[in-house]
Amino acid sequence: MDLTLLLVFLGLLKHRKALDVAHDLGLTQSAISQALKRLRDVFGDDLFLRRPHGMEPTATALALETPIAHAVETLRGALGVARVFDPMTALGSVRLAAMHTEQAVLIPTLAASLRETSPGLDLSVVPRGRSEAMEALQQGEVDLALGFFRDIPNSCRSEVLYEDNYLVAGNSEVLPREEPLDLDAYCAMDHILTSPSAQFRGVVDLHLEKLGRKRRVVLGLPAFLPALAAAAASGALVTLPARVAQVFADRFGLVTQKPPLDLPSFPVLVVWHRRNDADPKTQWIKSQVICSKT
């Protein structure tokens, strides 16, 4: 038994497809087949049965999942300090959980950097809400999570990438650059609201209620770039994180102003699992994410 065999075993339990495991571990499909043969010999069980949808684990494989996962984490902890990670020769995948703000602001720069510094690594970004991202970290489905998180479990660590606030974007006919936007005009205009579930109520509406005011949201969208495009086409306003507005508003022919109400700033974090504190790959990826914020 060696660590690679155990990683192949856990990979097959997770992905249920040999090709995905090979890609994730930077191995050939032939190597995965040989590892599976050795695993079957060691445990005296088929472990995984071929089905039309992929590899189905046997009862023995499912029973082995927890002890083997614990064994792998123990080995990783013992070997983590001594392991050497060379970005230029590294193979495999980098998996991040990020919603649309971080996808738009951080990922393009990070992807360009990885192509130069680590051409053998593939970058995969999955959209996950706050609780879903923390669960993905706990389950080992992603290496890092990026975004604004209210509650971080004790099993994870975090570092602040930057503090963000809000700007209002709209076309110059409804939002001139020279004149500051007042609250009456803001509330009288049509608005676009962005949320993953395309709701019609958000942080702006909660703060307006405290002032005894309200606005009319005419369109709900799940991401900020479509919202900017809609604002350019419709003449409605969109209130969004300042980083997104500063990077993209001008590209849609929009101008920006500060909101006419006091909205709280919020930290954008990079989060990782404590089991990867000494993992050189995770820490190197984190350093690249930190560099991409500039």
Protein backbone atom coordinates (compact mmCIF):
# COMPACT_ATOMS: atom_id res chain seq x y z
CA MET A 1 0.00 0.00 0.00
CA ASP A 2 1.17 3.51 -0.74
CA LEU A 3 -0.34 6.98 -0.65
CA THR A 4 -1.12 7.00 -4.38
CA LEU A 5 -3.27 3.87 -4.04
CA LEU A 6 -5.22 5.48 -1.23
CA LEU A 7 -5.69 8.68 -3.22
CA VAL A 8 -6.96 6.69 -6.21
CA PHE A 9 -9.40 4.87 -3.94
CA LEU A 10 -10.77 8.12 -2.48
CA GLY A 11 -10.84 9.71 -5.92
CA LEU A 12 -12.97 6.88 -7.32
CA LEU A 13 -15.36 7.20 -4.40
CA LYS A 14 -15.67 10.93 -5.07
CA HIS A 15 -15.78 11.11 -8.87
CA ARG A 16 -17.01 7.57 -9.77
CA LYS A 17 -15.09 7.92 -13.06
CA ALA A 18 -11.50 6.79 -13.68
CA LEU A 19 -10.88 9.57 -16.21
CA ASP A 20 -11.77 12.28 -13.68
CA VAL A 21 -9.50 10.70 -11.07
CA ALA A 22 -6.64 10.53 -13.56
CA HIS A 23 -7.11 14.20 -14.42
CA ASP A 24 -7.35 15.22 -10.76
CA LEU A 25 -4.20 13.33 -9.71
CA GLY A 26 -2.17 13.99 -12.84
CA LEU A 27 -1.99 10.27 -13.68
CA THR A 28 -2.75 8.25 -16.81
CA GLN A 29 -5.87 6.12 -17.10
CA SER A 30 -3.58 3.09 -17.29
CA ALA A 31 -2.07 4.04 -13.93
CA ILE A 32 -5.55 4.33 -12.43
CA SER A 33 -6.45 0.87 -13.78
CA GLN A 34 -3.29 -0.65 -12.30
CA ALA A 35 -3.93 1.04 -8.96
CA LEU A 36 -7.48 -0.32 -8.90
CA LYS A 37 -6.20 -3.82 -9.64
CA ARG A 38 -3.75 -3.58 -6.73
CA LEU A 39 -6.48 -2.30 -4.43
CA ARG A 40 -8.73 -5.23 -5.36
CA ASP A 41 -5.89 -7.64 -4.64
CA VAL A 42 -5.17 -6.05 -1.26
CA PHE A 43 -8.77 -5.99 -0.04
CA GLY A 44 -10.02 -9.12 -1.82
CA ASP A 45 -13.04 -7.28 -3.19
CA ASP A 46 -14.09 -5.72 -6.52
CA LEU A 47 -14.48 -2.37 -4.68
CA PHE A 48 -15.95 -0.63 -7.77
CA LEU A 49 -18.35 -2.10 -10.31
CA ARG A 50 -18.63 -0.67 -13.81
CA ARG A 51 -22.05 0.79 -14.53
CA PRO A 52 -23.37 2.94 -17.43
CA HIS A 53 -23.18 6.04 -15.24
CA GLY A 54 -19.69 5.28 -13.87
CA MET A 55 -18.02 3.23 -11.14
CA GLU A 56 -20.38 2.05 -8.40
CA PRO A 57 -18.67 1.37 -5.02
CA THR A 58 -19.35 -1.93 -3.30
CA ALA A 59 -20.36 -2.19 0.35
CA THR A 60 -16.72 -2.94 1.23
CA ALA A 61 -15.53 0.22 -0.54
CA LEU A 62 -18.09 2.33 1.31
CA ALA A 63 -17.07 0.80 4.63
CA LEU A 64 -13.40 1.60 3.92
CA GLU A 65 -14.01 5.25 3.03
CA THR A 66 -13.77 6.74 6.54
CA PRO A 67 -10.68 4.84 7.80
CA ILE A 68 -8.80 5.41 4.53
CA ALA A 69 -9.69 9.12 4.54
CA HIS A 70 -8.34 9.38 8.09
CA ALA A 71 -5.18 7.54 7.07
CA VAL A 72 -4.59 9.88 4.15
CA GLU A 73 -5.05 12.98 6.30
CA THR A 74 -2.58 11.58 8.86
CA LEU A 75 -0.01 10.91 6.14
CA ARG A 76 -0.52 14.33 4.61
CA GLY A 77 0.02 15.96 7.98
CA ALA A 78 3.20 14.00 8.59
CA LEU A 79 4.61 14.62 5.13
CA GLY A 80 3.32 18.15 4.58
CA VAL A 81 6.33 19.98 5.99
CA ALA A 82 8.80 17.94 3.97
CA ARG A 83 6.88 18.03 0.70
CA VAL A 84 8.19 20.23 -2.08
CA PHE A 85 5.83 21.90 -4.54
CA ASP A 86 7.25 23.13 -7.84
CA PRO A 87 4.62 25.22 -9.68
CA MET A 88 6.37 24.89 -13.04
CA THR A 89 6.27 21.08 -13.01
CA ALA A 90 3.05 20.56 -11.03
CA LEU A 91 0.18 18.69 -12.68
CA GLY A 92 -3.49 18.37 -11.78
CA SER A 93 -6.30 20.77 -10.94
CA VAL A 94 -6.88 23.81 -8.76
CA ARG A 95 -10.47 23.90 -7.52
CA LEU A 96 -12.00 27.10 -6.17
CA ALA A 97 -15.46 27.98 -4.86
CA ALA A 98 -16.45 31.53 -5.81
CA MET A 99 -19.58 33.46 -6.64
CA HIS A 100 -19.99 35.93 -9.51
CA THR A 101 -18.23 38.91 -7.84
CA GLU A 102 -14.99 37.04 -7.24
CA GLN A 103 -15.32 35.22 -10.57
CA ALA A 104 -15.38 38.58 -12.34
CA VAL A 105 -12.77 40.44 -10.26
CA LEU A 106 -10.20 37.82 -9.18
CA ILE A 107 -10.39 34.82 -11.50
CA PRO A 108 -9.27 36.43 -14.81
CA THR A 109 -6.02 37.71 -13.28
CA LEU A 110 -5.48 34.46 -11.40
CA ALA A 111 -6.04 32.35 -14.53
CA ALA A 112 -3.56 34.45 -16.52
CA SER A 113 -1.00 34.14 -13.73
CA LEU A 114 -1.36 30.36 -13.48
CA ARG A 115 -0.78 29.97 -17.22
CA GLU A 116 2.61 31.63 -16.75
CA THR A 117 3.69 30.29 -13.37
CA SER A 118 2.18 26.79 -13.42
CA PRO A 119 1.17 25.71 -16.95
CA GLY A 120 0.46 22.12 -15.87
CA LEU A 121 -2.30 23.11 -13.44
CA ASP A 122 -5.91 23.47 -14.60
CA LEU A 123 -8.18 25.96 -12.87
CA SER A 124 -11.77 24.97 -12.11
CA VAL A 125 -14.22 27.41 -10.47
CA VAL A 126 -17.57 26.28 -9.09
CA PRO A 127 -20.35 28.65 -7.94
CA ARG A 128 -21.14 27.99 -4.29
CA GLY A 129 -23.10 30.04 -1.79
CA ARG A 130 -21.67 30.79 1.64
CA SER A 131 -22.70 27.62 3.45
CA GLU A 132 -22.20 25.44 0.36
CA ALA A 133 -18.64 26.75 -0.05
CA MET A 134 -17.78 25.88 3.56
CA GLU A 135 -19.24 22.41 3.08
CA ALA A 136 -17.20 21.94 -0.09
CA LEU A 137 -14.02 22.83 1.84
CA GLN A 138 -14.88 20.39 4.61
CA GLN A 139 -15.52 17.60 2.10
CA GLY A 140 -12.31 18.32 0.18
CA GLU A 141 -14.20 19.21 -2.98
CA VAL A 142 -12.37 22.54 -3.38
CA ASP A 143 -8.94 23.85 -2.39
CA LEU A 144 -10.04 27.38 -1.50
CA ALA A 145 -13.22 29.42 -1.17
CA LEU A 146 -13.38 33.10 -2.12
CA GLY A 147 -16.00 35.62 -1.06
CA PHE A 148 -17.80 37.28 1.83
CA PHE A 149 -18.56 34.71 4.53
CA ARG A 150 -20.42 35.52 7.75
CA ASP A 151 -19.68 32.27 9.58
CA ILE A 152 -16.48 30.28 9.11
CA PRO A 153 -16.32 26.87 10.86
CA ASN A 154 -13.52 26.12 13.32
CA SER A 155 -12.13 23.57 10.87
CA CYS A 156 -11.25 26.37 8.42
CA ARG A 157 -8.96 29.40 8.38
CA SER A 158 -9.34 32.68 6.50
CA GLU A 159 -7.43 35.75 5.38
CA VAL A 160 -8.86 39.08 4.23
CA LEU A 161 -8.13 39.81 0.57
CA TYR A 162 -9.67 43.30 0.55
CA GLU A 163 -12.49 45.41 1.96
CA ASP A 164 -15.22 46.25 -0.52
CA ASN A 165 -18.18 48.62 -0.51
CA TYR A 166 -20.83 49.68 -3.03
CA LEU A 167 -21.24 51.95 -6.05
CA VAL A 168 -24.27 52.82 -8.16
CA ALA A 169 -23.93 52.37 -11.93
CA GLY A 170 -26.16 53.74 -14.67
CA ASN A 171 -25.98 55.42 -18.04
CA SER A 172 -25.04 59.10 -18.17
CA GLU A 173 -28.58 60.19 -19.09
CA VAL A 174 -29.95 59.14 -15.70
CA LEU A 175 -26.77 59.28 -13.64
CA PRO A 176 -24.62 62.31 -14.57
CA ARG A 177 -21.03 62.34 -13.31
CA GLU A 178 -21.03 65.93 -12.09
CA GLU A 179 -24.07 65.99 -9.84
CA PRO A 180 -24.15 63.85 -6.68
CA LEU A 181 -27.06 61.44 -6.51
CA ASP A 182 -29.59 62.32 -3.81
CA LEU A 183 -31.84 59.87 -2.01
CA ASP A 184 -35.09 61.17 -3.54
CA ALA A 185 -33.80 60.73 -7.08
CA TYR A 186 -32.33 57.33 -6.23
CA CYS A 187 -35.64 56.02 -4.87
CA ALA A 188 -37.61 57.44 -7.81
CA MET A 189 -35.59 55.53 -10.42
CA ASP A 190 -35.99 51.94 -11.58
CA HIS A 191 -33.47 49.46 -10.18
CA ILE A 192 -31.87 46.15 -11.06
CA LEU A 193 -31.03 43.83 -8.17
CA THR A 194 -28.48 41.04 -8.30
CA SER A 195 -28.66 37.90 -6.17
CA PRO A 196 -27.98 34.20 -6.88
CA SER A 197 -31.71 33.51 -6.65
CA ALA A 198 -32.69 36.67 -8.60
CA GLN A 199 -34.77 38.01 -5.71
CA PHE A 200 -36.31 41.49 -5.55
CA ARG A 201 -35.03 42.43 -2.10
CA GLY A 202 -31.46 42.91 -0.91
CA VAL A 203 -29.13 44.81 1.43
CA VAL A 204 -30.06 48.17 -0.15
CA ASP A 205 -33.76 47.59 0.51
CA LEU A 206 -33.09 46.70 4.15
CA HIS A 207 -31.21 49.97 4.69
CA LEU A 208 -33.85 51.98 2.85
CA GLU A 209 -36.52 50.54 5.15
CA LYS A 210 -34.59 51.84 8.16
CA LEU A 211 -34.93 55.31 6.63
CA GLY A 212 -38.63 54.79 5.89
CA ARG A 213 -37.93 54.69 2.16
CA LYS A 214 -38.18 52.13 -0.63
CA ARG A 215 -37.21 51.70 -4.27
CA ARG A 216 -38.73 49.87 -7.24
CA VAL A 217 -36.78 46.85 -8.41
CA VAL A 218 -37.87 46.05 -11.96
CA LEU A 219 -35.41 43.25 -12.73
CA GLY A 220 -33.68 40.55 -10.71
CA LEU A 221 -30.58 38.83 -12.10
CA PRO A 222 -28.19 36.25 -10.62
CA ALA A 223 -24.92 37.96 -11.65
CA PHE A 224 -23.44 41.44 -11.93
CA LEU A 225 -22.20 41.50 -15.54
CA PRO A 226 -25.68 40.78 -16.98
CA ALA A 227 -26.99 43.43 -14.58
CA LEU A 228 -24.55 45.99 -15.97
CA ALA A 229 -25.58 45.08 -19.51
CA ALA A 230 -29.25 45.45 -18.54
CA ALA A 231 -28.56 48.83 -16.90
CA ALA A 232 -26.90 50.05 -20.11
CA ALA A 233 -29.88 48.94 -22.20
CA SER A 234 -32.75 49.94 -19.91
CA GLY A 235 -31.64 53.09 -18.09
CA ALA A 236 -32.24 51.47 -14.70
CA LEU A 237 -29.68 51.74 -11.91
CA VAL A 238 -27.74 48.86 -10.40
CA THR A 239 -26.05 49.03 -6.99
CA LEU A 240 -23.17 46.59 -6.83
CA PRO A 241 -19.80 45.91 -5.19
CA ALA A 242 -17.36 48.72 -5.94
CA ARG A 243 -14.64 46.42 -7.32
CA VAL A 244 -16.96 45.06 -9.99
CA ALA A 245 -18.21 48.53 -10.87
CA GLN A 246 -14.70 49.99 -11.10
CA VAL A 247 -13.52 47.22 -13.44
CA PHE A 248 -16.56 46.75 -15.68
CA ALA A 249 -18.95 49.74 -15.59
CA ASP A 250 -16.97 51.75 -18.13
CA ARG A 251 -16.91 48.78 -20.51
CA PHE A 252 -20.70 48.95 -20.65
CA GLY A 253 -20.69 52.73 -21.16
CA LEU A 254 -21.92 53.35 -17.60
CA VAL A 255 -20.92 55.95 -15.03
CA THR A 256 -20.73 55.34 -11.28
CA GLN A 257 -21.51 57.28 -8.13
CA LYS A 258 -21.53 56.61 -4.42
CA PRO A 259 -24.93 55.49 -3.09
CA PRO A 260 -26.92 58.22 -1.34
CA LEU A 261 -27.23 56.07 1.79
CA ASP A 262 -24.79 54.57 4.25
CA LEU A 263 -24.18 50.97 3.18
CA PRO A 264 -21.70 48.87 5.20
CA SER A 265 -18.41 47.74 3.72
CA PHE A 266 -17.63 44.03 3.79
CA PRO A 267 -14.47 41.88 3.73
CA VAL A 268 -13.73 39.54 0.83
CA LEU A 269 -11.88 36.48 2.18
CA VAL A 270 -9.85 33.54 1.00
CA VAL A 271 -10.72 30.47 3.10
CA TRP A 272 -8.99 27.09 3.36
CA HIS A 273 -9.30 23.98 5.51
CA ARG A 274 -6.95 23.61 8.49
CA ARG A 275 -5.79 20.23 7.21
CA ASN A 276 -4.02 22.14 4.42
CA ASP A 277 -2.14 24.55 6.69
CA ALA A 278 1.13 22.81 5.83
CA ASP A 279 0.23 21.76 2.30
CA PRO A 280 2.60 23.64 -0.04
CA LYS A 281 0.26 23.47 -3.04
CA THR A 282 -2.66 25.01 -1.16
CA GLN A 283 -0.49 27.71 0.35
CA TRP A 284 1.07 28.53 -3.01
CA ILE A 285 -2.36 28.80 -4.66
CA LYS A 286 -3.47 31.07 -1.81
CA SER A 287 -0.48 33.32 -2.44
CA GLN A 288 -1.45 33.55 -6.12
CA VAL A 289 -5.01 34.50 -5.20
CA ILE A 290 -3.67 37.22 -2.90
CA CYS A 291 -1.51 38.56 -5.73
CA SER A 292 -4.50 38.59 -8.09
CA LYS A 293 -6.41 41.10 -5.95
CA THR A 294 -4.18 43.97 -7.09
